[in-house]
């Protein structure tokens, strides 16, 4: 694991905290996009924890570059402020999770442990903040299998695991996701989950 954050003390404290938790091994920290790119290319970590705001660039844009260059890399975004636009950007950039900088360590560990390439995990309270009261739109006509896939997406499960759990191929799972996006008028998996929860189609928000 590599931590990229321009607040060096925060990065060092987080690295030290994570080093005591199996199976995480922190290989170092970087305080800029440039230094982060160099560290990833040299040390090849399996997970990168990336701050959104860095002195020499945007962490989400940097995530898109890294996930394109290293398809198996899992990038977890850190941010002190979260809204629907940031969630959508992070998911589109290939991040597998988003964690609040003002959250507690237990919450952060929970997301890190469930983050999976191809999925997108966020703490439940983030989804709660996005799912407001709204008049229910017409039923989009989801099939029972599409609802199953949607529930698994809401839990942050990736396409590979969805396919395995449902006994279908990854291409079939990808087809279900494509249909979900079309029926819900969504552009990303996260947007589909939030839209479905807002419509009451799934109970995507587990209790605290």
Protein backbone atom coordinates (compact mmCIF):
# COMPACT_ATOMS: atom_id res chain seq x y z
CA UNK A 1 0.00 0.00 0.00
CA UNK A 2 1.17 3.51 -0.86
CA UNK A 3 -0.32 6.67 0.68
CA UNK A 4 -0.33 9.86 -1.42
CA UNK A 5 -1.24 12.94 0.63
CA UNK A 6 0.35 16.38 0.75
CA UNK A 7 -0.10 16.53 4.53
CA UNK A 8 3.03 14.57 5.45
CA UNK A 9 2.19 14.13 9.13
CA UNK A 10 -1.27 12.77 8.30
CA UNK A 11 0.21 10.39 5.72
CA UNK A 12 2.83 9.14 8.16
CA UNK A 13 0.31 8.65 10.97
CA UNK A 14 -2.05 6.77 8.66
CA UNK A 15 0.79 4.60 7.36
CA UNK A 16 1.82 3.76 10.91
CA UNK A 17 -1.75 2.93 11.95
CA UNK A 18 -2.32 0.68 8.94
CA UNK A 19 0.98 -1.13 9.46
CA UNK A 20 -0.50 -2.74 12.59
CA UNK A 21 -3.49 -4.16 10.70
CA UNK A 22 -3.30 -7.39 8.70
CA UNK A 23 -3.03 -7.79 5.76
CA UNK A 24 -1.91 -4.21 5.07
CA UNK A 25 1.75 -3.42 4.52
CA UNK A 26 2.48 0.23 3.84
CA UNK A 27 5.52 0.60 1.58
CA UNK A 28 5.75 4.36 1.92
CA UNK A 29 4.20 7.77 1.39
CA UNK A 30 4.31 10.49 -1.26
CA UNK A 31 3.26 14.13 -0.95
CA UNK A 32 2.58 15.00 -4.60
CA UNK A 33 1.18 13.55 -7.81
CA UNK A 34 4.65 13.51 -9.36
CA UNK A 35 6.24 11.69 -6.43
CA UNK A 36 3.24 9.35 -6.25
CA UNK A 37 3.53 8.35 -9.91
CA UNK A 38 7.25 7.66 -9.45
CA UNK A 39 6.62 5.54 -6.33
CA UNK A 40 3.86 3.50 -7.98
CA UNK A 41 5.96 2.80 -11.07
CA UNK A 42 8.99 1.83 -9.02
CA UNK A 43 7.42 -0.10 -6.13
CA UNK A 44 4.20 -1.44 -7.77
CA UNK A 45 1.87 -1.40 -4.71
CA UNK A 46 -1.45 -3.23 -4.92
CA UNK A 47 -3.37 -0.40 -3.19
CA UNK A 48 -2.94 3.39 -3.36
CA UNK A 49 -4.68 5.70 -0.89
CA UNK A 50 -4.99 9.01 -2.78
CA UNK A 51 -5.94 12.43 -1.44
CA UNK A 52 -8.19 14.48 -3.73
CA UNK A 53 -6.33 17.77 -3.38
CA UNK A 54 -2.59 17.65 -3.92
CA UNK A 55 -0.20 20.54 -4.38
CA UNK A 56 0.69 19.72 -7.98
CA UNK A 57 -2.56 18.20 -9.24
CA UNK A 58 -5.94 16.60 -8.74
CA UNK A 59 -6.03 13.18 -7.08
CA UNK A 60 -9.01 12.00 -9.10
CA UNK A 61 -7.33 12.89 -12.40
CA UNK A 62 -4.18 11.15 -11.15
CA UNK A 63 -6.27 8.09 -10.32
CA UNK A 64 -7.51 7.87 -13.91
CA UNK A 65 -3.91 7.89 -15.17
CA UNK A 66 -2.78 5.20 -12.72
CA UNK A 67 -5.72 2.84 -13.23
CA UNK A 68 -5.28 3.12 -16.98
CA UNK A 69 -1.57 2.29 -16.71
CA UNK A 70 -2.02 -0.38 -14.01
CA UNK A 71 -5.45 -2.05 -14.50
CA UNK A 72 -5.12 -4.24 -11.38
CA UNK A 73 -4.23 -1.34 -9.09
CA UNK A 74 -6.83 -0.51 -6.42
CA UNK A 75 -7.06 3.21 -5.70
CA UNK A 76 -8.95 4.49 -2.67
CA UNK A 77 -9.78 8.21 -2.70
CA UNK A 78 -9.52 10.31 0.47
CA UNK A 79 -11.54 13.51 0.79
CA UNK A 80 -12.69 15.84 3.54
CA UNK A 81 -15.72 16.91 1.50
CA UNK A 82 -17.92 14.57 -0.55
CA UNK A 83 -20.80 15.24 -2.92
CA UNK A 84 -22.46 13.35 -5.76
CA UNK A 85 -20.16 14.93 -8.36
CA UNK A 86 -17.01 13.76 -6.57
CA UNK A 87 -18.41 10.26 -6.11
CA UNK A 88 -19.23 10.02 -9.81
CA UNK A 89 -15.81 11.40 -10.83
CA UNK A 90 -13.98 8.97 -8.53
CA UNK A 91 -15.92 5.97 -9.83
CA UNK A 92 -15.42 7.03 -13.45
CA UNK A 93 -11.67 7.44 -12.83
CA UNK A 94 -11.41 3.79 -11.79
CA UNK A 95 -11.20 4.26 -8.02
CA UNK A 96 -12.57 1.34 -6.04
CA UNK A 97 -13.58 3.27 -2.91
CA UNK A 98 -13.92 6.68 -1.31
CA UNK A 99 -13.13 7.34 2.35
CA UNK A 100 -13.76 10.45 4.46
CA UNK A 101 -10.66 12.08 5.94
CA UNK A 102 -12.74 13.15 8.91
CA UNK A 103 -14.01 9.62 9.61
CA UNK A 104 -12.64 7.24 12.20
CA UNK A 105 -9.98 4.59 11.61
CA UNK A 106 -12.46 1.72 11.98
CA UNK A 107 -14.61 3.13 9.18
CA UNK A 108 -11.54 3.56 6.98
CA UNK A 109 -10.38 -0.01 7.63
CA UNK A 110 -13.82 -1.38 6.83
CA UNK A 111 -13.82 0.27 3.42
CA UNK A 112 -10.19 -0.68 2.69
CA UNK A 113 -10.87 -4.33 3.53
CA UNK A 114 -13.90 -4.56 1.22
CA UNK A 115 -12.60 -2.41 -1.64
CA UNK A 116 -12.41 -4.52 -4.77
CA UNK A 117 -11.21 -3.65 -8.27
CA UNK A 118 -14.24 -3.23 -10.50
CA UNK A 119 -16.50 -2.21 -7.61
CA UNK A 120 -16.95 1.03 -5.70
CA UNK A 121 -17.27 1.12 -1.91
CA UNK A 122 -18.32 4.07 0.22
CA UNK A 123 -19.34 4.36 3.87
CA UNK A 124 -23.14 4.03 4.22
CA UNK A 125 -23.47 7.55 5.64
CA UNK A 126 -22.26 8.98 2.32
CA UNK A 127 -25.05 7.24 0.47
CA UNK A 128 -27.53 8.40 3.09
CA UNK A 129 -26.54 12.00 2.43
CA UNK A 130 -27.23 11.56 -1.28
CA UNK A 131 -30.53 9.71 -1.02
CA UNK A 132 -33.06 12.41 -0.19
CA UNK A 133 -36.83 12.40 -0.26
CA UNK A 134 -38.27 12.63 -3.77
CA UNK A 135 -41.49 11.60 -5.50
CA UNK A 136 -41.13 8.02 -6.80
CA UNK A 137 -40.70 7.99 -10.60
CA UNK A 138 -42.20 5.26 -12.79
CA UNK A 139 -41.01 1.69 -12.20
CA UNK A 140 -38.07 1.12 -14.59
CA UNK A 141 -39.02 -2.55 -14.97
CA UNK A 142 -35.95 -4.22 -13.51
CA UNK A 143 -35.82 -8.01 -13.67
CA UNK A 144 -35.22 -10.02 -10.49
CA UNK A 145 -31.68 -10.81 -11.66
CA UNK A 146 -30.99 -7.11 -12.32
CA UNK A 147 -32.15 -6.31 -8.78
CA UNK A 148 -29.77 -8.98 -7.44
CA UNK A 149 -26.89 -7.40 -9.35
CA UNK A 150 -27.92 -3.94 -8.16
CA UNK A 151 -27.89 -5.05 -4.52
CA UNK A 152 -24.41 -6.48 -4.94
CA UNK A 153 -23.19 -3.27 -6.59
CA UNK A 154 -24.60 -1.36 -3.60
CA UNK A 155 -22.44 -3.55 -1.34
CA UNK A 156 -19.34 -2.62 -3.33
CA UNK A 157 -18.97 -6.03 -4.98
CA UNK A 158 -17.01 -6.15 -8.23
CA UNK A 159 -18.11 -7.75 -11.50
CA UNK A 160 -15.90 -10.81 -11.04
CA UNK A 161 -17.39 -11.64 -7.65
CA UNK A 162 -20.92 -10.90 -8.87
CA UNK A 163 -20.45 -13.37 -11.71
CA UNK A 164 -19.06 -16.01 -9.35
CA UNK A 165 -21.81 -15.57 -6.75
CA UNK A 166 -24.60 -15.73 -9.34
CA UNK A 167 -23.03 -18.50 -11.41
CA UNK A 168 -22.84 -16.42 -14.59
CA UNK A 169 -20.02 -15.20 -16.82
CA UNK A 170 -18.38 -11.83 -16.33
CA UNK A 171 -19.71 -10.77 -19.73
CA UNK A 172 -23.25 -11.66 -18.64
CA UNK A 173 -22.79 -9.69 -15.41
CA UNK A 174 -21.48 -6.76 -17.43
CA UNK A 175 -24.57 -7.01 -19.64
CA UNK A 176 -26.85 -6.81 -16.59
CA UNK A 177 -24.99 -3.71 -15.40
CA UNK A 178 -25.34 -2.12 -18.84
CA UNK A 179 -29.10 -2.79 -18.78
CA UNK A 180 -29.35 -1.32 -15.27
CA UNK A 181 -27.63 1.89 -16.32
CA UNK A 182 -29.94 2.23 -19.31
CA UNK A 183 -33.15 1.56 -17.37
CA UNK A 184 -32.21 3.88 -14.51
CA UNK A 185 -30.83 6.64 -16.72
CA UNK A 186 -27.48 6.42 -14.93
CA UNK A 187 -23.96 6.89 -16.27
CA UNK A 188 -22.02 5.03 -13.57
CA UNK A 189 -22.61 2.08 -11.25
CA UNK A 190 -22.63 4.40 -8.24
CA UNK A 191 -25.22 6.67 -9.85
CA UNK A 192 -27.36 3.58 -10.55
CA UNK A 193 -27.19 2.52 -6.88
CA UNK A 194 -28.08 5.99 -5.59
CA UNK A 195 -30.91 6.34 -8.12
CA UNK A 196 -32.33 2.91 -7.25
CA UNK A 197 -32.15 3.62 -3.52
CA UNK A 198 -33.84 6.99 -4.02
CA UNK A 199 -36.65 5.25 -5.90
CA UNK A 200 -37.02 2.63 -3.20
CA UNK A 201 -36.06 -0.20 -5.56
CA UNK A 202 -33.39 -1.55 -3.20
CA UNK A 203 -32.47 -1.10 0.43
CA UNK A 204 -28.93 -0.01 -0.34
CA UNK A 205 -28.28 1.64 2.97
CA UNK A 206 -27.47 -0.76 5.82
CA UNK A 207 -28.19 0.41 9.38
CA UNK A 208 -25.47 2.12 11.38
